[in-house]
Structure formats: C-alpha cells, structure tokens
Protein backbone atom coordinates (compact mmCIF):
# COMPACT_ATOMS: atom_id res chain seq x y z
CA MET A 1 26.99 24.66 -32.22
CA SER A 2 26.34 23.05 -28.87
CA THR A 3 24.27 24.59 -26.14
CA SER A 4 24.37 23.83 -22.46
CA ARG A 5 21.34 23.23 -20.34
CA LYS A 6 20.71 22.98 -16.64
CA ASP A 7 20.63 19.43 -15.29
CA PRO A 8 16.92 18.74 -14.73
CA MET A 9 17.63 16.47 -11.80
CA PRO A 10 19.92 17.20 -8.82
CA PRO A 11 23.01 14.94 -8.64
CA ALA A 12 21.94 13.27 -5.39
CA ALA A 13 18.54 12.38 -6.79
CA ARG A 14 20.12 11.19 -10.05
CA ARG A 15 22.47 8.87 -8.16
CA LEU A 16 19.59 7.52 -6.09
CA PHE A 17 17.52 6.84 -9.18
CA ALA A 18 20.45 5.16 -10.90
CA THR A 19 21.02 2.97 -7.84
CA ALA A 20 17.39 1.89 -7.77
CA ALA A 21 17.39 1.10 -11.46
CA ALA A 22 20.65 -0.82 -11.19
CA ALA A 23 19.27 -2.86 -8.32
CA ILE A 24 16.43 -4.01 -10.54
CA LEU A 25 18.74 -5.03 -13.35
CA VAL A 26 21.20 -6.85 -11.13
CA ALA A 27 18.41 -8.83 -9.49
CA GLY A 28 17.82 -10.78 -12.70
CA CYS A 29 14.66 -12.16 -14.19
CA ALA A 30 13.84 -15.28 -12.16
CA GLY A 31 10.17 -15.55 -11.34
CA ASP A 32 9.15 -12.77 -13.71
CA VAL A 33 6.08 -14.57 -15.06
CA ARG A 34 2.97 -12.96 -16.51
CA GLY A 35 -0.52 -14.29 -15.97
CA VAL A 36 -0.10 -15.65 -12.44
CA LEU A 37 -3.71 -14.89 -11.49
CA ALA A 38 -5.21 -17.56 -13.74
CA PRO A 39 -6.87 -20.02 -11.30
CA VAL A 40 -5.20 -23.40 -10.84
CA ALA A 41 -6.96 -26.66 -10.11
CA ALA A 42 -4.13 -28.29 -8.21
CA SER A 43 -3.96 -28.29 -4.43
CA ALA A 44 -1.44 -29.40 -1.84
CA PRO A 45 -1.68 -30.47 1.82
CA GLY A 46 -0.86 -27.84 4.43
CA THR A 47 -1.55 -24.83 2.24
CA SER A 48 -3.41 -21.77 3.56
CA ARG A 49 -6.15 -19.76 1.88
CA VAL A 50 -6.99 -16.08 1.97
CA THR A 51 -10.22 -14.84 0.42
CA MET A 52 -10.44 -11.11 -0.18
CA LEU A 53 -12.83 -8.65 -1.76
CA VAL A 54 -11.14 -6.46 -4.35
CA ALA A 55 -12.38 -3.02 -5.34
CA THR A 56 -10.54 -1.43 -8.24
CA THR A 57 -10.51 1.50 -10.63
CA ARG A 58 -8.23 -0.36 -13.04
CA ALA A 59 -9.33 -1.31 -16.54
CA ALA A 60 -10.32 -4.93 -17.06
CA ASP A 61 -7.86 -7.02 -19.05
CA ALA A 62 -8.84 -9.69 -21.55
CA ASP A 63 -6.11 -11.99 -20.18
CA ALA A 64 -7.61 -14.08 -17.37
CA GLY A 65 -4.18 -14.31 -15.76
CA ILE A 66 -3.91 -10.52 -15.48
CA LEU A 67 -7.58 -9.59 -14.78
CA PHE A 68 -6.95 -5.87 -14.40
CA ASN A 69 -4.13 -3.88 -15.95
CA GLY A 70 -2.55 -0.52 -15.19
CA GLU A 71 -4.90 1.61 -17.28
CA ARG A 72 -7.83 3.55 -15.87
CA GLY A 73 -11.30 2.08 -15.93
CA ARG A 74 -14.69 2.18 -14.26
CA PRO A 75 -14.88 0.91 -10.69
CA ALA A 76 -15.30 -2.84 -10.44
CA PHE A 77 -15.38 -5.61 -7.83
CA ALA A 78 -13.99 -9.11 -7.62
CA GLU A 79 -13.67 -11.80 -4.97
CA MET A 80 -10.45 -13.79 -5.02
CA THR A 81 -9.09 -16.78 -3.11
CA ILE A 82 -5.31 -17.07 -2.91
CA SER A 83 -3.40 -20.17 -1.81
CA LEU A 84 -0.16 -19.80 0.15
CA PRO A 85 2.44 -22.60 0.43
CA PRO A 86 2.66 -24.56 3.68
CA ASP A 87 4.29 -22.49 6.42
CA ALA A 88 7.18 -24.96 6.60
CA ARG A 89 8.06 -24.15 2.99
CA ARG A 90 7.99 -20.38 3.12
CA THR A 91 9.43 -17.46 5.05
CA ILE A 92 7.08 -15.16 6.93
CA GLY A 93 6.97 -11.81 5.18
CA GLU A 94 7.76 -13.12 1.70
CA VAL A 95 5.66 -13.61 -1.40
CA GLN A 96 6.82 -16.67 -3.33
CA TRP A 97 6.16 -16.02 -7.00
CA PRO A 98 5.79 -18.85 -9.51
CA SER A 99 8.79 -19.30 -11.80
CA ARG A 100 6.56 -20.92 -14.43
CA LEU A 101 2.88 -21.51 -15.13
CA PRO A 102 0.89 -23.05 -13.71
CA GLY A 103 2.28 -22.30 -10.27
CA ASN A 104 2.94 -25.10 -7.79
CA PRO A 105 0.80 -24.72 -4.63
CA GLU A 106 3.47 -26.54 -2.62
CA THR A 107 6.02 -23.79 -3.25
CA ASP A 108 4.22 -20.81 -4.82
CA PHE A 109 1.43 -18.35 -4.23
CA VAL A 110 -1.35 -19.35 -6.62
CA THR A 111 -4.88 -18.20 -7.36
CA LEU A 112 -7.66 -20.69 -6.68
CA LYS A 113 -10.77 -18.70 -7.54
CA VAL A 114 -11.76 -15.42 -9.17
CA ASP A 115 -15.31 -14.09 -9.27
CA LYS A 116 -15.92 -10.76 -10.99
CA LEU A 117 -18.86 -9.07 -9.30
CA ASP A 118 -21.12 -6.09 -9.70
CA LEU A 119 -21.43 -3.56 -6.88
CA ARG A 120 -24.57 -5.03 -5.35
CA THR A 121 -23.18 -8.58 -5.28
CA GLY A 122 -19.80 -7.44 -4.00
CA LEU A 123 -21.28 -5.61 -1.03
CA ALA A 124 -23.61 -8.54 -0.34
CA ARG A 125 -20.63 -10.93 -0.24
CA LEU A 126 -18.82 -8.62 2.17
CA HIS A 127 -21.93 -8.28 4.35
CA GLU A 128 -22.22 -12.07 4.57
CA ARG A 129 -18.56 -12.65 5.40
CA VAL A 130 -18.17 -9.89 7.96
CA SER A 131 -21.17 -11.17 9.91
CA ARG A 132 -19.13 -14.29 10.73
CA VAL A 133 -16.01 -12.49 11.98
CA PRO A 134 -15.56 -11.66 15.70
CA LYS A 135 -16.07 -7.94 16.27
CA ARG A 136 -17.01 -7.74 12.57
CA ARG A 137 -13.76 -6.10 11.54
CA VAL A 138 -12.80 -5.06 8.02
CA MET A 139 -9.31 -4.09 6.94
CA VAL A 140 -8.94 -2.00 3.77
CA PHE A 141 -5.51 -1.85 2.18
CA VAL A 142 -4.40 0.74 -0.40
CA HIS A 143 -1.11 -0.04 -2.14
CA GLY A 144 1.52 2.43 -3.27
CA PHE A 145 3.40 3.50 -6.37
CA ASN A 146 4.66 1.00 -8.94
CA ASN A 147 2.36 -1.92 -8.11
CA ARG A 148 0.72 -4.13 -10.69
CA PHE A 149 -2.58 -5.76 -9.87
CA GLU A 150 -1.02 -9.12 -8.99
CA ASP A 151 1.60 -7.39 -6.81
CA ALA A 152 -1.14 -5.86 -4.68
CA VAL A 153 -3.24 -9.04 -4.49
CA TYR A 154 -0.46 -11.44 -3.50
CA ARG A 155 1.17 -9.00 -1.07
CA PHE A 156 -2.10 -8.33 0.70
CA ALA A 157 -2.78 -12.07 0.94
CA GLN A 158 0.62 -12.45 2.60
CA ILE A 159 -0.11 -9.61 5.01
CA VAL A 160 -3.43 -11.06 6.08
CA HIS A 161 -2.07 -14.58 6.56
CA ASP A 162 1.20 -13.70 8.31
CA SER A 163 -0.39 -11.21 10.68
CA GLY A 164 -2.99 -13.72 11.85
CA ALA A 165 -5.55 -10.92 11.76
CA ASP A 166 -9.14 -12.11 12.09
CA VAL A 167 -10.59 -9.58 9.66
CA VAL A 168 -12.40 -9.44 6.36
CA PRO A 169 -9.73 -8.17 3.95
CA VAL A 170 -10.67 -5.62 1.30
CA LEU A 171 -8.08 -4.53 -1.24
CA PHE A 172 -8.54 -1.17 -2.94
CA THR A 173 -6.28 -1.10 -5.97
CA TRP A 174 -5.91 1.91 -8.23
CA PRO A 175 -4.41 2.15 -11.75
CA SER A 176 -0.66 1.89 -11.27
CA ARG A 177 1.28 0.75 -14.31
CA GLY A 178 3.81 -1.11 -12.19
CA SER A 179 6.72 0.72 -13.77
CA LEU A 180 9.47 2.79 -12.21
CA PHE A 181 9.10 5.20 -15.12
CA ALA A 182 5.39 5.90 -14.61
CA TYR A 183 5.55 8.07 -11.50
CA GLY A 184 3.57 10.92 -13.05
CA TYR A 185 0.91 8.61 -14.45
CA ASP A 186 0.57 6.81 -11.12
CA ARG A 187 0.23 10.08 -9.25
CA GLU A 188 -2.60 11.24 -11.49
CA SER A 189 -4.22 7.79 -11.25
CA ALA A 190 -4.21 8.10 -7.47
CA THR A 191 -6.19 11.33 -7.71
CA TYR A 192 -8.48 9.71 -10.29
CA SER A 193 -9.42 7.06 -7.73
CA ARG A 194 -10.19 9.12 -4.63
CA ASN A 195 -13.96 9.29 -5.23
CA ALA A 196 -14.17 5.54 -5.66
CA LEU A 197 -12.33 4.91 -2.39
CA GLU A 198 -14.59 7.36 -0.60
CA GLU A 199 -17.66 5.55 -1.93
CA LEU A 200 -16.25 2.23 -0.74
CA LEU A 201 -15.64 3.59 2.76
CA GLN A 202 -19.10 5.19 2.81
CA GLY A 203 -20.61 1.84 1.87
CA LEU A 204 -18.73 0.03 4.63
CA ALA A 205 -19.79 2.65 7.18
CA ARG A 206 -23.44 2.23 6.19
CA ASP A 207 -23.40 -1.57 6.35
CA PRO A 208 -25.01 -2.65 9.65
CA ALA A 209 -22.98 -5.87 9.60
CA VAL A 210 -19.67 -3.98 9.76
CA GLY A 211 -18.39 -3.30 13.25
CA GLU A 212 -15.27 -1.30 12.48
CA VAL A 213 -12.93 -0.50 9.63
CA SER A 214 -9.17 -0.07 9.67
CA LEU A 215 -7.56 1.64 6.70
CA LEU A 216 -3.91 0.98 5.88
CA ALA A 217 -2.23 2.90 3.06
CA HIS A 218 1.34 2.77 1.82
CA SER A 219 3.49 5.28 -0.03
CA MET A 220 1.52 7.02 -2.81
CA GLY A 221 -1.59 5.15 -1.69
CA ASN A 222 -1.70 7.58 1.23
CA TRP A 223 -2.59 10.35 -1.22
CA VAL A 224 -5.66 8.39 -2.32
CA ALA A 225 -6.61 7.61 1.28
CA LEU A 226 -6.18 11.14 2.63
CA GLU A 227 -8.07 12.71 -0.27
CA ALA A 228 -10.93 10.24 0.19
CA LEU A 229 -11.06 10.85 3.95
CA THR A 230 -11.01 14.64 3.46
CA GLN A 231 -13.95 14.46 1.06
CA MET A 232 -15.75 12.11 3.43
CA ALA A 233 -15.28 14.48 6.37
CA VAL A 234 -16.58 17.47 4.41
CA ARG A 235 -19.56 15.55 3.06
CA ASN A 236 -20.50 13.94 6.40
CA ARG A 237 -19.32 16.75 8.69
CA GLY A 238 -16.96 14.26 10.21
CA ILE A 239 -15.72 10.76 9.50
CA PRO A 240 -18.15 7.99 10.52
CA PRO A 241 -17.28 6.24 13.81
CA LYS A 242 -16.94 2.87 12.09
CA ILE A 243 -13.78 4.15 10.39
CA ALA A 244 -11.86 3.45 13.58
CA SER A 245 -8.21 3.51 12.58
CA VAL A 246 -6.11 5.00 9.78
CA MET A 247 -2.51 3.86 9.30
CA LEU A 248 -0.23 5.96 7.12
CA ALA A 249 2.81 3.88 6.18
CA SER A 250 5.72 5.74 4.55
CA PRO A 251 3.35 8.31 3.06
CA ASP A 252 4.59 9.93 -0.13
CA VAL A 253 2.65 13.09 0.68
CA ASP A 254 3.88 16.66 1.03
CA ALA A 255 3.94 17.47 4.76
CA ASP A 256 2.40 20.90 4.10
CA VAL A 257 -0.42 19.36 2.08
CA PHE A 258 -1.08 16.89 4.90
CA ARG A 259 -1.59 19.84 7.25
CA THR A 260 -4.35 21.19 5.03
CA GLN A 261 -5.96 17.78 4.60
CA ILE A 262 -6.07 17.01 8.32
CA ALA A 263 -7.37 20.53 9.03
CA GLU A 264 -10.30 19.91 6.69
CA MET A 265 -11.24 16.75 8.58
CA THR A 266 -13.39 18.69 11.03
CA GLY A 267 -15.70 16.89 13.38
CA ARG A 268 -15.00 13.31 14.36
CA ARG A 269 -11.68 11.82 13.17
CA PRO A 270 -10.38 8.25 13.49
CA LYS A 271 -7.17 7.35 15.31
CA PHE A 272 -4.22 8.16 13.08
CA THR A 273 -0.92 6.31 13.23
CA LEU A 274 2.00 7.49 11.13
CA PHE A 275 5.04 5.38 10.23
CA VAL A 276 8.16 7.39 9.39
CA SER A 277 11.76 6.62 8.59
CA GLN A 278 14.38 9.28 8.03
CA ASP A 279 16.50 6.89 5.93
CA ASP A 280 13.74 6.20 3.39
CA ARG A 281 15.64 6.60 0.12
CA ALA A 282 12.55 6.37 -2.07
CA LEU A 283 11.00 9.33 -0.25
CA ALA A 284 14.33 11.18 -0.45
CA LEU A 285 14.07 10.94 -4.23
CA SER A 286 10.42 11.99 -4.14
CA ARG A 287 11.43 15.01 -2.05
CA ARG A 288 13.79 16.11 -4.82
CA VAL A 289 11.16 15.58 -7.48
CA TRP A 290 8.57 17.63 -5.59
CA GLY A 291 10.61 20.79 -5.06
CA ASN A 292 12.69 19.77 -2.03
CA LYS A 293 9.67 19.74 0.27
CA ASP A 294 9.42 17.33 3.21
CA ARG A 295 7.60 14.07 2.53
CA LEU A 296 5.41 13.09 5.46
CA GLY A 297 6.87 9.59 5.70
CA ALA A 298 10.42 10.86 6.21
CA VAL A 299 10.00 13.65 8.76
CA ASP A 300 11.69 13.55 12.16
CA PRO A 301 8.87 13.47 14.73
CA ASP A 302 11.20 14.62 17.50
CA VAL A 303 11.84 18.05 15.97
CA GLU A 304 9.59 21.06 15.64
CA PRO A 305 7.15 21.84 14.23
CA TYR A 306 6.27 18.18 13.78
CA LYS A 307 6.58 17.13 17.41
CA SER A 308 4.05 19.68 18.66
CA GLU A 309 1.76 19.22 15.68
CA PHE A 310 1.54 15.46 16.06
CA GLU A 311 0.91 15.77 19.78
CA GLN A 312 -1.79 18.38 19.23
CA LEU A 313 -3.49 16.24 16.57
CA LYS A 314 -3.11 13.13 18.75
CA ILE A 315 -1.32 11.28 15.97
CA THR A 316 0.72 8.33 17.16
CA VAL A 317 4.08 8.22 15.39
CA LEU A 318 6.25 5.13 15.03
CA ASN A 319 9.80 6.02 14.03
CA LEU A 320 11.29 3.08 12.13
CA THR A 321 14.62 4.67 11.29
CA LYS A 322 16.49 2.19 13.48
CA LEU A 323 14.79 -0.81 11.88
CA ARG A 324 17.17 -2.71 9.61
CA THR A 325 15.86 -4.96 6.84
CA GLY A 326 16.95 -6.21 3.44
CA ASP A 327 15.13 -3.37 1.69
CA LYS A 328 17.93 -1.22 0.30
CA LEU A 329 15.54 1.70 -0.26
CA ASN A 330 14.17 1.50 3.32
CA HIS A 331 10.70 2.18 1.92
CA GLY A 332 8.98 -1.11 2.72
CA LYS A 333 10.62 -2.10 5.98
CA PHE A 334 7.63 -3.93 7.42
CA ALA A 335 7.46 -6.21 4.41
CA GLU A 336 11.07 -7.27 5.00
CA SER A 337 10.64 -7.95 8.73
CA PRO A 338 8.64 -11.13 9.47
CA GLU A 339 9.14 -10.63 13.21
CA VAL A 340 7.38 -7.28 13.08
CA VAL A 341 4.51 -8.67 11.03
CA LYS A 342 3.93 -11.47 13.50
CA LEU A 343 4.41 -9.40 16.66
CA ILE A 344 2.24 -6.46 15.73
CA GLY A 345 -0.41 -8.56 14.06
CA THR A 346 -0.71 -10.80 17.10
CA ARG A 347 -0.87 -7.89 19.52
CA LEU A 348 -3.60 -6.14 17.62
CA VAL A 349 -5.69 -9.25 17.07
CA GLU A 350 -5.59 -9.86 20.82
CA GLY A 351 -6.66 -6.28 21.43
CA GLN A 352 -3.38 -5.18 22.97
CA PRO A 353 -2.60 -1.58 22.07
CA ILE A 354 1.07 -0.74 21.59
CA THR A 355 1.85 1.58 24.45
CA ASP A 356 5.45 0.61 25.15
CA SER A 357 8.10 3.23 24.70
CA ARG A 358 9.95 0.58 22.74
CA VAL A 359 9.04 -2.75 21.21
CA GLY A 360 12.15 -4.89 21.49
CA LEU A 361 13.00 -7.41 18.78
CA GLY A 362 16.73 -7.77 18.92
CA ASP A 363 18.64 -4.50 19.19
CA ARG A 364 16.04 -1.70 19.42
CA LEU A 365 14.00 -2.92 16.49
CA ILE A 366 11.33 -0.25 16.70
CA GLU A 367 11.49 3.01 18.59
CA VAL A 368 8.16 4.60 19.31
CA THR A 369 8.08 8.38 19.36
CA GLY A 370 5.46 11.09 19.63
CA ASN A 371 2.38 10.45 21.70
CA ALA A 372 3.28 6.83 22.42
CA ALA A 373 0.64 6.46 25.10
CA ALA A 374 -2.15 6.59 22.51
CA ALA A 375 -3.56 3.29 21.38
CA VAL A 376 -2.37 2.43 17.92
CA GLY A 377 -5.70 1.12 16.71
CA THR A 378 -7.62 -2.03 16.09
CA ALA A 379 -7.98 -4.81 13.55
CA ALA A 380 -4.59 -5.19 11.88
CA GLY A 381 -3.98 -1.61 10.99
CA ILE A 382 -0.22 -1.57 11.24
CA VAL A 383 0.76 -5.07 10.33
CA VAL A 384 2.88 -4.14 7.36
CA SER A 385 3.40 -1.78 4.47
CA ALA A 386 3.49 -3.12 0.95
CA PRO A 387 6.91 -3.30 -0.66
CA ILE A 388 7.95 -0.80 -3.28
CA ALA A 389 7.85 -2.64 -6.56
CA VAL A 390 11.15 -1.28 -7.85
CA VAL A 391 12.81 -4.16 -6.00
CA ASP A 392 10.15 -6.65 -7.08
CA PRO A 393 10.96 -8.88 -10.06
CA HIS A 394 7.70 -7.94 -11.73
CA ALA A 395 8.85 -4.35 -12.21
CA ARG A 396 11.87 -5.46 -14.22
CA ARG A 397 10.14 -6.22 -17.51
CA HIS A 398 9.17 -2.56 -17.82
CA LEU A 399 12.85 -1.69 -18.10
CA GLY A 400 13.25 -3.75 -21.26
CA ASP A 401 12.78 -0.93 -23.75
CA ARG A 402 14.38 1.71 -21.54
CA VAL A 403 17.72 0.26 -20.53
CA GLU A 404 19.46 2.31 -23.19
CA HIS A 405 18.42 5.47 -21.33
CA LEU A 406 20.14 4.54 -18.10
CA GLY A 407 23.74 5.31 -19.02
CA ASN A 408 24.76 8.86 -19.81
CA ASN A 409 21.11 9.84 -20.13
CA ILE A 410 20.04 8.73 -16.66
CA GLN A 411 19.26 12.30 -15.69
CA ASP A 412 16.73 12.60 -18.50
CA THR A 413 14.98 9.40 -17.49
CA GLY A 414 14.99 10.52 -13.87
CA SER A 415 13.44 13.81 -14.84
CA ALA A 416 10.63 11.99 -16.59
CA VAL A 417 9.81 10.26 -13.34
CA GLY A 418 9.11 13.60 -11.71
CA ASP A 419 6.90 15.08 -14.48
CA THR A 420 4.17 14.83 -12.84
CA VAL A 421 -13.65 10.59 -14.03
CA THR A 422 -14.09 8.09 -12.27
CA ALA A 423 -17.66 6.77 -12.02
CA PRO A 424 -18.03 6.23 -8.26
CA PHE A 425 -19.03 2.91 -6.75
CA GLN A 426 -22.48 4.43 -6.28
CA SER A 427 -23.59 6.90 -8.87
CA SER A 428 -23.57 10.40 -7.42
CA GLY A 429 -22.46 12.53 -10.34
CA LYS A 430 -19.18 13.47 -8.64
CA GLN A 431 -16.08 14.01 -10.76
CA PRO A 432 -12.52 13.62 -9.52
C-alpha cells in the first residue's frame, strides 16, 4: 500500500537546486586537485605575492596541502604567502587553480609559505606588519557558505591583489565543509564561530598599531559577522571606533533578524554598506528554505519598509541587480567583474568615497540606491564578494557519492539542504 506525502521542497526551489547541481556536474572536473596549499619551492619572474594572517575555527588537518578541513576545532592562527601568476597571464577577478601538483607559478596560484602560529605570535606578526602600512589599515574578510579552506585563502589573495588595496589582509575562516549538501552544518558552524570572530575584532581594536579596520562578509559569513558585532556592541556599549566600516555582501540573513541585530548595536556603530541584488538565485533558494522570509541580500531598497529603514539607519545600499556577470546564480557578482574590482578598489585606496548616483562601466553597471550621499567606507571594504563555491570546481568532488540522489529524488536532497564551544581567541569562558 502506497502513501502520499507532501513535497518537502516547493517546486521553484527544487528546480533552482537542480539547476545549481547540474551546473556543477556539467562544468567537469578540470583543476579539481586536492592539497594545493603545500608550499612550492619554484618561482617565476613577474609573479605577485600576497601575505595574509589567517584566523580560523576549523580543525587542523594532517595533510600539509589541506592545513585545515571543514570540521570544527579550536581557534588557530597561521600566516600564509600566496603567489599569483604574472598579470599578463591571468584575468583580473579569476583564481587560476593548479590542474596538477605541484602547481606552476607561471600559470597557477601557489602557496609559497605557511607558518602555523599561536595567538601571541599571530597578533605580534600583525602588529609588526600593520605598523608599516599607510594609515595602518586592516581588512578582515569572512567567507560564505560552501567554501573550503583553500577556496577562502586563494580567493582572498586574489581580492587583495586585484583591488590594489594597501592593507594588511586578515582572513577569518569558519568550518564550512565546502559541500552544497552541508547547508545545515555550515549554518551551525557559523554560529559556532561568532565568539572567535568577536575576540579577533576586539584584539584588533585594542592594538595601538592598528589605525582602522574594515570588515567584509559574504553570504552566510554575514551571520557570523553580525552576531560578532552584536555581542561586541553589548559588551563594549558600542562598537570601537577602529571598526570603521562593515560591508555586507549578498547577506544570507533573515531581514527581520537583521532588524533585531542592528537594534542591539546601541552606542557607536561603524558605517554599514549593504550589497543587494533582486536576481540572486542562491538567496531565492535560501528564502524558500527559511520559511519564505526575505533574505537581506535580495531585498529591494527602493520599496518600503526597507527604503525608510535604511535611510534612518544611515546604511548605504548598492543595488547590483543590473550588473551582469558570468555567475549564473548572481550570488557572487563582484568576483565575476574584474572592472568593478579594479574601479572600486582603486577609488577606496585613494580615499575617494563613492558618492555618485551611478558608477558607469558600460551600460549602467552599478546603480546606487538608498542614501547614496554617505561615504561607502575606507580600506577596501567593498572590493568584492567571494564566489559561491557551488560553481567552483572544488565543490564538485562532494557530489561523487550523491549523484544518484539528483534524479527523481532531487526534492529529498534539496530538503536536506534546508535542515538546518568554541574556545575564544582569548580565554574568557564564553560559550557560543
């Protein structure tokens, strides 16, 4: 006797999920190489180097080419130097992954040096480096859903280099399994990591060598960032002045929850800039998963109540709906637009706030809405958002044992996506 059951996933969301999964499979397996973070000895003329401090709540991995995996661990630090191919052999905005090991510095992103550090040494390294940077700027980047450790490291290296930002880059990377099917796990891992991010920001604010900090978060990383900032504001009765700018790129955050978070940030707040796109298909799927509630990164800032709320909160909103890139999900548009990376990065480095009603690159590339007269921020706060990894070759291997679920059972797999402490960087007894 057969029984019927209600489809756990709406048809529109099921189609979107199937499209995303199919895009991964069709893309093939070229460049899907594990262990790319093992340092190489080779060098090549004309290459560029980016050295970053990495703070992570991921578990350490025994494989030196992986370093940290997608499981949860105690907070740790590392300093890494990444080599980028000569500019003549790469496209701005792209990460060129090795197709085999060891990678070729002439054509690939490769790792030159990895130093695992304790907290004291990590902060000392940052203190030393930031003292040599004009205006002593630090940029902290928090990646989004479905990013492996190497995804976050190489993408952030590309952001820093292509933007031309004269900052000390700090990557905060939380335990994402880098799998399309781990949405629930990633979401819980984001919450797991909020205390550690707060401790990192508190440490930067206390460092006398640091002049200012810009925080850029993408997608689910915005949940980590907003939770950390809310806790910081409550604990400090305001957010320290050194946290100058907060950039929320395509935030996968419930718009109602954002209202409560921003309301709890009493006292001094940094400048907030929000990047939205009404055609963001990844956030459309997230909206279905989370009870058909608006995701902050996909709202229309020209309609109420958002228009009045953003103006009242003095949040600058950049509406990227008209921006066209190769990202079929429209979730990582900045990463697909080298012109935007270069233009915005250059403007900010030169201290030019974006106050135009429109920044023209071709046919209305970016339309600025909301309180456009407000300065966007400093450092390189809006240079780019990290790409969603579902269109990255590194996410494909996680489909290997799940392909059989994609056919008639796609709705069951899609439903699983929606089913959804840490020891802080400085011991304080807090639990997530």
